[in-house]
Protein backbone atom coordinates (compact mmCIF):
# COMPACT_ATOMS: atom_id res chain seq x y z
CA MET A 1 26.69 4.30 48.34
CA SER A 2 26.37 3.75 52.12
CA TYR A 3 25.48 0.46 53.78
CA GLY A 4 22.28 2.10 54.97
CA SER A 5 21.20 2.81 51.41
CA ILE A 6 22.07 -0.76 50.44
CA ARG A 7 19.75 -2.10 53.16
CA ILE A 8 16.95 0.22 52.05
CA SER A 9 17.39 -0.78 48.39
CA SER A 10 17.37 -4.45 49.37
CA GLY A 11 14.15 -3.94 51.29
CA LEU A 12 12.54 -2.20 48.34
CA LEU A 13 13.71 -4.99 46.06
CA LEU A 14 12.20 -7.62 48.36
CA CYS A 15 8.95 -5.65 48.50
CA GLY A 16 8.91 -5.40 44.72
CA MET A 17 9.49 -9.14 44.38
CA LEU A 18 6.62 -9.86 46.77
CA LEU A 19 4.32 -7.56 44.78
CA LEU A 20 5.38 -9.23 41.55
CA SER A 21 4.77 -12.69 43.06
CA SER A 22 1.34 -11.53 44.18
CA ALA A 23 0.60 -10.22 40.68
CA ILE A 24 1.66 -13.49 39.08
CA GLY A 25 -0.45 -15.44 41.53
CA SER A 26 -3.44 -13.26 40.69
CA ALA A 27 -2.83 -13.73 36.95
CA ASN A 28 -2.73 -17.51 37.32
CA ALA A 29 -5.85 -17.80 39.47
CA LYS A 30 -8.57 -16.31 37.28
CA ASP A 31 -12.29 -17.06 37.55
CA SER A 32 -13.04 -19.08 34.42
CA SER A 33 -16.81 -18.54 34.56
CA GLY A 34 -17.16 -14.76 34.88
CA PRO A 35 -16.65 -12.03 32.28
CA ILE A 36 -13.36 -11.58 30.44
CA ARG A 37 -11.88 -8.34 31.74
CA ILE A 38 -9.86 -6.40 29.16
CA GLY A 39 -7.71 -3.42 30.01
CA ILE A 40 -7.73 -0.84 27.20
CA VAL A 41 -4.70 1.46 27.35
CA ALA A 42 -4.41 4.59 25.17
CA PHE A 43 -3.81 8.31 25.29
CA LEU A 44 -7.29 9.31 26.34
CA GLY A 45 -6.59 13.04 26.48
CA GLY A 46 -3.92 15.56 25.59
CA ALA A 47 -2.53 13.74 22.55
CA GLY A 48 -4.48 15.19 19.65
CA SER A 49 -7.56 13.43 18.38
CA VAL A 50 -6.91 9.84 19.45
CA GLY A 51 -8.80 9.43 22.74
CA LEU A 52 -12.39 9.80 21.55
CA PRO A 53 -12.20 7.52 18.48
CA ILE A 54 -10.48 4.79 20.53
CA ARG A 55 -13.29 4.84 23.10
CA ASN A 56 -15.89 4.93 20.33
CA GLY A 57 -14.41 2.06 18.34
CA THR A 58 -13.83 -0.05 21.44
CA GLN A 59 -17.37 0.46 22.67
CA LEU A 60 -18.81 -0.46 19.26
CA ILE A 61 -16.79 -3.67 18.95
CA VAL A 62 -17.26 -4.83 22.55
CA GLU A 63 -21.04 -4.35 22.38
CA ALA A 64 -21.17 -6.29 19.11
CA ILE A 65 -19.08 -9.10 20.62
CA ASN A 66 -21.33 -9.32 23.67
CA ASP A 67 -24.56 -9.10 21.63
CA GLY A 68 -23.37 -11.53 18.97
CA THR A 69 -24.07 -8.96 16.24
CA LEU A 70 -20.68 -8.94 14.50
CA PRO A 71 -21.02 -9.65 10.78
CA PRO A 72 -19.48 -12.78 9.23
CA PRO A 73 -17.04 -14.41 9.55
CA PHE A 74 -17.89 -14.00 13.26
CA LYS A 75 -20.80 -16.09 14.54
CA SER A 76 -20.90 -16.57 18.30
CA ALA A 77 -21.46 -14.06 21.08
CA GLY A 78 -18.83 -13.30 23.70
CA LEU A 79 -15.33 -14.68 24.06
CA GLY A 80 -15.60 -18.42 24.50
CA GLY A 81 -19.14 -17.85 25.73
CA ARG A 82 -18.08 -15.22 28.28
CA ALA A 83 -19.05 -11.55 28.20
CA VAL A 84 -16.45 -8.80 27.88
CA GLU A 85 -15.85 -6.03 30.42
CA VAL A 86 -13.55 -3.11 29.59
CA ILE A 87 -11.36 -1.03 31.88
CA TYR A 88 -9.77 2.11 30.41
CA VAL A 89 -6.34 3.38 31.43
CA ASP A 90 -4.76 6.62 30.24
CA GLU A 91 -1.37 6.03 28.60
CA ALA A 92 0.02 9.39 29.67
CA GLY A 93 3.15 9.54 31.82
CA GLY A 94 5.76 7.53 29.96
CA PRO A 95 7.13 3.96 30.20
CA THR A 96 7.84 3.93 33.94
CA ARG A 97 4.34 5.02 34.85
CA GLN A 98 2.80 2.63 32.32
CA THR A 99 4.70 -0.29 33.78
CA THR A 100 3.20 0.56 37.17
CA GLU A 101 -0.26 0.93 35.63
CA PHE A 102 0.14 -2.45 33.93
CA VAL A 103 0.94 -4.16 37.24
CA ASN A 104 -2.04 -2.39 38.81
CA LEU A 105 -4.31 -3.71 36.07
CA VAL A 106 -3.20 -7.22 36.96
CA ARG A 107 -3.01 -6.95 40.76
CA GLN A 108 -5.79 -4.57 41.64
CA ARG A 109 -8.19 -4.70 38.72
CA ASP A 110 -7.85 -8.38 37.88
CA VAL A 111 -7.74 -8.11 34.09
CA ASP A 112 -7.39 -11.20 31.89
CA ILE A 113 -6.07 -9.38 28.81
CA VAL A 114 -4.50 -6.02 28.04
CA VAL A 115 -5.07 -4.36 24.65
CA GLY A 116 -3.58 -1.07 23.54
CA TYR A 117 -0.61 1.26 23.65
CA ILE A 118 0.23 3.98 21.14
CA SER A 119 3.79 4.92 22.09
CA SER A 120 6.42 2.44 20.91
CA GLY A 121 8.46 3.38 23.98
CA ASP A 122 5.62 2.22 26.22
CA CYS A 123 5.34 -1.04 24.29
CA ALA A 124 9.05 -1.69 24.71
CA ALA A 125 8.64 -1.35 28.48
CA ILE A 126 5.41 -3.35 28.72
CA GLY A 127 6.58 -6.36 26.69
CA PRO A 128 8.95 -7.80 29.31
CA MET A 129 6.45 -7.13 32.13
CA ALA A 130 3.68 -8.94 30.23
CA GLU A 131 5.94 -11.96 29.99
CA LYS A 132 6.78 -11.85 33.71
CA LEU A 133 3.13 -11.58 34.72
CA LYS A 134 2.00 -14.04 32.02
CA ILE A 135 -0.78 -11.74 30.81
CA LEU A 136 -2.00 -11.91 27.21
CA THR A 137 -1.10 -8.46 25.87
CA VAL A 138 -2.01 -7.19 22.41
CA PHE A 139 -0.30 -4.11 20.99
CA ALA A 140 -2.87 -2.31 18.85
CA THR A 141 -1.06 0.77 17.52
CA CYS A 142 2.51 1.26 18.71
CA ALA A 143 4.06 -0.58 15.74
CA ASN A 144 7.52 -1.09 17.14
CA SER A 145 10.11 -3.69 16.13
CA LEU A 146 10.04 -5.45 19.50
CA LEU A 147 8.87 -8.79 18.12
CA GLU A 148 11.65 -8.81 15.54
CA GLU A 149 14.14 -8.77 18.40
CA GLN A 150 12.44 -10.77 21.18
CA ASN A 151 10.80 -14.18 21.39
CA TYR A 152 7.68 -13.65 23.50
CA ARG A 153 4.78 -15.95 24.33
CA TYR A 154 2.26 -13.56 25.88
CA VAL A 155 2.78 -10.51 23.64
CA PHE A 156 1.20 -10.08 20.19
CA GLN A 157 1.20 -7.11 17.82
CA THR A 158 -1.84 -6.94 15.53
CA ILE A 159 -0.59 -3.94 13.61
CA ALA A 160 2.28 -4.20 11.15
CA LEU A 161 5.83 -3.22 12.00
CA PRO A 162 6.78 0.47 11.63
CA GLN A 163 8.68 -0.24 8.42
CA PRO A 164 6.01 -1.51 5.94
CA HIS A 165 3.94 1.63 5.51
CA ASN A 166 7.15 3.63 5.12
CA ILE A 167 8.33 1.19 2.48
CA GLY A 168 5.00 1.75 0.71
CA LEU A 169 5.41 5.51 1.06
CA ALA A 170 8.92 5.30 -0.43
CA ARG A 171 7.62 3.19 -3.33
CA TYR A 172 4.94 5.80 -3.98
CA VAL A 173 7.44 8.67 -3.91
CA ALA A 174 9.84 6.83 -6.22
CA SER A 175 7.08 6.17 -8.76
CA ARG A 176 5.49 9.64 -8.65
CA PHE A 177 8.64 11.76 -8.15
CA PRO A 178 11.47 9.78 -9.78
CA HIS A 179 13.67 12.84 -10.35
CA ILE A 180 13.98 14.05 -6.74
CA LYS A 181 17.55 14.38 -5.45
CA THR A 182 17.30 15.42 -1.78
CA VAL A 183 15.30 14.39 1.28
CA ALA A 184 14.89 15.71 4.84
CA SER A 185 12.95 14.38 7.81
CA ILE A 186 11.28 15.44 11.03
CA GLY A 187 10.17 12.94 13.63
CA PRO A 188 9.91 12.51 17.39
CA GLY A 189 13.19 11.61 19.03
CA TYR A 190 12.37 8.09 20.17
CA ALA A 191 12.00 4.60 18.65
CA TRP A 192 8.97 5.37 16.46
CA GLY A 193 10.61 8.37 14.83
CA TYR A 194 13.97 6.66 14.33
CA ASP A 195 12.55 3.38 12.98
CA THR A 196 10.06 4.89 10.56
CA THR A 197 12.46 7.50 9.21
CA SER A 198 15.20 4.92 8.75
CA ALA A 199 12.79 2.66 6.84
CA PHE A 200 11.64 5.45 4.52
CA ILE A 201 15.10 6.83 3.75
CA GLY A 202 16.63 3.35 3.48
CA SER A 203 13.92 2.28 1.03
CA LEU A 204 14.27 5.49 -0.96
CA ARG A 205 18.00 4.88 -1.30
CA VAL A 206 17.26 1.45 -2.78
CA LEU A 207 14.57 2.75 -5.14
CA LEU A 208 16.30 6.04 -6.07
CA PRO A 209 20.07 5.47 -5.79
CA GLY A 210 22.01 8.65 -5.23
CA ILE A 211 19.40 10.51 -3.22
CA GLN A 212 20.97 12.68 -0.50
CA VAL A 213 19.80 13.35 3.05
CA VAL A 214 20.20 17.10 3.68
CA ASP A 215 18.58 17.53 7.10
CA GLN A 216 17.08 15.50 9.95
CA GLN A 217 15.20 16.95 12.91
CA TRP A 218 14.33 15.07 16.12
CA PRO A 219 12.08 17.21 18.39
CA ARG A 220 10.95 15.72 21.67
CA LEU A 221 7.55 14.05 21.81
CA PHE A 222 4.70 16.54 22.46
CA ALA A 223 7.04 19.49 21.84
CA GLY A 224 4.25 21.56 20.28
CA LYS A 225 6.52 24.25 18.81
CA TYR A 226 8.68 23.63 15.73
CA GLY A 227 10.09 27.01 14.73
CA ALA A 228 13.73 25.92 14.83
CA GLU A 229 13.05 22.72 12.93
CA ILE A 230 11.05 24.51 10.24
CA SER A 231 13.82 27.09 9.84
CA ALA A 232 16.43 24.36 9.40
CA MET A 233 14.39 22.53 6.77
CA THR A 234 13.66 25.78 4.95
CA LEU A 235 17.39 26.46 4.69
CA ALA A 236 18.11 22.89 3.57
CA HIS A 237 15.44 23.18 0.85
CA PRO A 238 14.94 19.44 0.27
CA ASP A 239 12.87 18.08 -2.60
CA ILE A 240 10.82 16.03 -0.15
CA ILE A 241 10.30 16.03 3.63
CA HIS A 242 9.31 12.87 5.46
CA SER A 243 7.45 13.32 8.74
CA SER A 244 6.68 10.74 11.44
CA LEU A 245 5.02 13.23 13.79
CA TRP A 246 1.55 12.18 14.94
CA GLY A 247 -1.49 13.44 16.83
CA GLY A 248 -1.33 16.96 18.25
CA ASP A 249 2.35 17.28 17.30
CA GLU A 250 1.52 16.65 13.66
CA VAL A 251 -1.33 19.16 13.64
CA ALA A 252 0.81 21.83 15.28
CA CYS A 253 3.73 21.32 12.90
CA ILE A 254 1.50 21.43 9.82
CA LYS A 255 -0.07 24.73 10.83
CA GLN A 256 3.27 26.30 11.73
CA ALA A 257 5.00 25.03 8.57
CA ALA A 258 2.16 26.09 6.28
CA ALA A 259 2.18 29.60 7.76
CA ARG A 260 5.86 29.89 6.87
CA GLY A 261 5.50 28.54 3.34
CA LEU A 262 7.44 25.30 3.82
CA PHE A 263 4.90 23.31 1.82
CA LYS A 264 5.48 25.57 -1.19
CA ARG A 265 9.20 24.77 -1.21
CA SER A 266 9.17 21.02 -0.57
CA GLN A 267 6.89 18.05 -1.14
CA ILE A 268 5.67 16.76 2.26
CA ALA A 269 4.98 13.10 3.07
CA PHE A 270 3.33 12.07 6.37
CA ASN A 271 3.70 8.43 7.26
CA SER A 272 0.81 8.56 9.73
CA GLY A 273 -1.61 11.18 8.51
CA LEU A 274 -5.13 9.79 8.21
CA HIS A 275 -5.93 10.13 11.89
CA ILE A 276 -5.54 13.93 11.89
CA LEU A 277 -7.46 14.74 8.68
CA SER A 278 -10.75 15.46 10.46
CA VAL A 279 -8.91 17.81 12.85
CA ILE A 280 -6.60 19.60 10.43
CA GLY A 281 -9.22 20.25 7.72
CA SER A 282 -8.37 22.96 5.21
CA SER A 283 -5.16 23.84 7.06
CA LEU A 284 -3.53 20.89 5.32
CA PRO A 285 -2.18 22.06 1.94
CA ASP A 286 -3.47 20.16 -1.07
CA GLY A 287 -1.00 17.72 -2.54
CA THR A 288 0.34 16.37 0.77
CA LEU A 289 1.25 12.68 0.66
CA ILE A 290 -0.59 10.67 3.31
CA SER A 291 -0.02 7.14 4.56
CA GLU A 292 -1.10 5.42 7.79
CA LEU A 293 -0.49 2.50 10.10
CA GLY A 294 -2.64 -0.08 8.36
CA PRO A 295 -5.39 0.28 5.74
CA HIS A 296 -8.08 1.84 7.92
CA GLY A 297 -10.45 4.75 7.42
CA LEU A 298 -10.14 6.10 3.86
CA PHE A 299 -7.82 3.19 3.05
CA ALA A 300 -10.21 0.46 4.24
CA PRO A 301 -11.23 -2.29 1.78
CA ASP A 302 -14.72 -2.71 0.35
CA THR A 303 -15.71 -5.75 2.43
CA ARG A 304 -18.73 -6.62 4.51
CA ILE A 305 -17.06 -6.23 7.90
CA ALA A 306 -15.11 -3.09 6.90
CA ASN A 307 -18.28 -1.46 5.59
CA TRP A 308 -20.19 -2.55 8.70
CA PHE A 309 -17.63 -0.93 10.95
CA THR A 310 -17.57 2.34 8.99
CA GLU A 311 -21.34 2.59 8.59
CA THR A 312 -22.15 1.62 12.18
CA TYR A 313 -19.51 3.96 13.59
CA THR A 314 -20.73 6.90 11.46
CA ALA A 315 -24.39 6.28 12.28
CA ARG A 316 -23.76 5.97 16.01
CA TYR A 317 -21.28 8.79 16.57
CA GLY A 318 -22.12 11.21 13.78
CA MET A 319 -18.57 11.23 12.44
CA ALA A 320 -16.37 9.13 10.18
CA ASP A 321 -14.37 6.34 11.78
CA ASP A 322 -10.83 7.36 12.59
CA PRO A 323 -7.95 5.04 11.59
CA ILE A 324 -6.92 4.60 15.20
CA SER A 325 -10.41 3.39 16.09
CA GLY A 326 -9.91 0.77 13.37
CA GLN A 327 -6.56 -0.23 14.82
CA TYR A 328 -8.08 -0.92 18.24
CA ALA A 329 -11.06 -2.64 16.62
CA GLU A 330 -8.61 -4.83 14.70
CA ALA A 331 -6.86 -5.86 17.93
CA LEU A 332 -10.14 -6.71 19.66
CA LEU A 333 -11.34 -8.73 16.69
CA ALA A 334 -8.05 -10.61 16.68
CA VAL A 335 -8.72 -11.53 20.31
CA LYS A 336 -12.24 -12.61 19.34
CA SER A 337 -10.86 -14.72 16.46
CA ALA A 338 -8.31 -16.38 18.73
CA PHE A 339 -11.03 -17.24 21.26
CA ASP A 340 -13.27 -18.65 18.51
CA LYS A 341 -10.44 -20.78 17.17
CA ALA A 342 -9.47 -21.99 20.66
CA SER A 343 -13.13 -22.74 21.51
CA THR A 344 -13.40 -24.99 18.47
CA THR A 345 -10.23 -26.84 19.43
CA SER A 346 -11.04 -27.16 23.14
CA GLY A 347 -14.72 -27.92 22.67
CA GLY A 348 -15.74 -25.33 25.26
CA SER A 349 -14.65 -22.14 26.96
CA PRO A 350 -10.87 -22.05 26.42
CA THR A 351 -8.20 -21.05 28.90
CA ILE A 352 -6.03 -18.03 28.17
CA GLU A 353 -3.13 -20.40 27.46
CA GLN A 354 -5.24 -22.15 24.82
CA VAL A 355 -6.19 -18.75 23.36
CA ILE A 356 -2.50 -17.87 23.12
CA ASP A 357 -1.81 -21.12 21.26
CA ALA A 358 -4.64 -20.25 18.85
CA PHE A 359 -3.37 -16.67 18.46
CA GLU A 360 0.00 -17.79 17.08
CA TYR A 361 -0.02 -17.65 13.25
CA LEU A 362 -3.67 -16.53 13.36
CA GLU A 363 -5.36 -15.16 10.25
CA TRP A 364 -8.53 -13.11 10.59
CA GLU A 365 -10.67 -10.54 8.76
CA GLY A 366 -11.35 -7.15 10.28
CA PRO A 367 -11.91 -3.53 9.21
CA SER A 368 -8.56 -3.48 7.37
CA GLY A 369 -9.15 -6.71 5.46
CA ILE A 370 -7.17 -9.91 6.01
CA THR A 371 -4.43 -9.70 8.64
CA LYS A 372 -1.95 -12.52 9.25
CA MET A 373 0.31 -13.20 12.22
CA VAL A 374 3.29 -14.23 10.13
CA LEU A 375 6.42 -12.76 11.69
CA GLY A 376 7.94 -13.03 15.17
CA ASN A 377 7.13 -16.75 15.46
CA GLY A 378 3.48 -16.01 14.81
CA HIS A 379 3.21 -13.02 17.14
CA GLN A 380 3.70 -10.16 14.65
CA ALA A 381 1.07 -9.18 12.07
CA ILE A 382 1.55 -8.24 8.46
CA SER A 383 -0.99 -6.29 6.43
CA ARG A 384 -1.22 -4.23 3.29
CA THR A 385 -0.72 -0.47 3.22
CA ALA A 386 -1.76 2.49 1.09
CA VAL A 387 -0.77 6.04 0.11
CA GLY A 388 -2.84 8.90 -1.25
CA VAL A 389 -2.67 12.63 -2.06
CA SER A 390 -4.67 15.11 0.05
CA ARG A 391 -7.21 17.58 -1.29
CA PHE A 392 -9.69 19.67 0.65
CA ASP A 393 -13.14 19.16 -0.86
CA LYS A 394 -15.14 22.34 -0.20
CA ALA A 395 -18.43 20.71 -1.17
CA LYS A 396 -17.92 17.92 1.37
CA GLY A 397 -16.22 20.18 3.89
CA ARG A 398 -13.40 17.73 4.53
CA VAL A 399 -10.10 16.39 3.25
CA VAL A 400 -10.30 13.64 0.64
CA LEU A 401 -7.54 11.54 -0.90
CA ASP A 402 -6.83 11.19 -4.59
CA ASP A 403 -4.56 8.82 -6.52
CA ILE A 404 -4.65 6.16 -3.79
CA VAL A 405 -2.31 3.22 -4.34
CA HIS A 406 -2.55 0.02 -2.28
CA TYR A 407 0.48 -2.18 -1.65
CA GLY A 408 -0.01 -5.84 -0.75
CA ALA A 409 1.32 -7.21 2.53
CA GLU A 410 3.97 -9.32 0.79
CA CYS A 411 5.18 -6.23 -1.11
CA VAL A 412 6.03 -4.14 1.95
CA ASN A 413 6.56 -6.66 4.77
CA PRO A 414 9.68 -8.80 5.07
CA PRO A 415 9.31 -12.57 4.72
CA ALA A 416 9.57 -14.68 7.86
CA GLY A 417 13.15 -14.97 8.99
CA TRP A 418 14.15 -11.48 7.83
CA LYS A 419 14.54 -8.39 9.99
CA SER A 420 13.05 -5.33 8.31
CA LYS A 421 16.21 -3.25 8.22
CA ASP A 422 18.18 -6.13 6.68
CA TRP A 423 15.44 -6.79 4.14
CA ILE A 424 15.44 -3.14 3.06
CA ALA A 425 19.24 -3.04 2.83
CA ALA A 426 19.17 -6.19 0.66
CA SER A 427 16.74 -4.50 -1.78
CA PHE A 428 13.55 -6.35 -0.70
CA PRO A 429 14.34 -9.95 -1.77
CA GLY A 430 11.19 -11.98 -2.31
CA ALA A 431 8.87 -8.96 -2.37
CA LYS A 432 5.63 -9.68 -4.22
CA CYS A 433 4.31 -6.46 -5.72
CA ASP A 434 1.55 -6.23 -8.34
């Protein structure tokens, strides 16, 4: 490196530090009387079916918060008496771009809170920046293990870790297919794919000792074509295939695999499958095992607020609520719950710092039932999970799920103080399963 390049780099570093200082100053000098501005970040296009339901669910919840029409246990309108404004940002572009977008939300668009993110890679990049800028940031969907590794103040994850629903899926497989001997996997080659696959296979090894891994495929995210991977799994001929593909990748792989008869040779288990059911339709072979990140959509409980969300969403948009709309709704209702709790404590409109204090170890009820911030020093949620078997119902014109089994939060989530991978390896000590 030349001295000239060192001087240029130093100048860029100084510029970056000045921008960061400006962003922090902006974050710490908010108007406490105007609306609460929330940045909503998600793949709004080009990633399967997720963009539209996220917008729909967000709009429904924000309007209900502002109008004061949320069902019990929510009572008051607004967030600490302040209305909510939403700014949407497309998550496309990867971690580097999203870090820039996050700073722009703070510096240029003056947001108070950021809610969102689907890619666990983006969440891993955003976490440290949220801490630097001191912006309350709520991860709605990415389900990474960040909060098992880091001690953050400003970052919360209202969806469970990536391991629990894969532990539930492994429990389901072990109970329904106890004689299987071999397993293969296909998942995107980044943190989400690695973490979820490791949790499923690790759990299966505990529940079915002696099971052998015969093939693992790691295509790049948004690859779209899976001919080589399907060929490899066909040759390996496993008893069961675990998939952590999602969105458009999942739809594409299902159609390509079904056309080549893979589903006739091996049992298939998707760890995040509910969100593509309305898109895939009859192309999904009957008998596919389906789980999801949190008990939303077809896995939602029969409660007043869950039924309100489903019925209102269906009536307004003419379609069933998608699980990912429930995940974003859950995050927004967690924010609402934290504001309500902080308002009670403060006796008025709380500061964001007071909301953060209230958010730690929060328990609230949303579309997925009761969610608790138990792990990660009160910053990481636990919730129950479920698994079902797909069947295309010709009379209804859609995929339905049979033989649904629900697993309680304490059955599939590690107790406080345990890391998920260690808890799985130790054979789930302290698990409370019905």
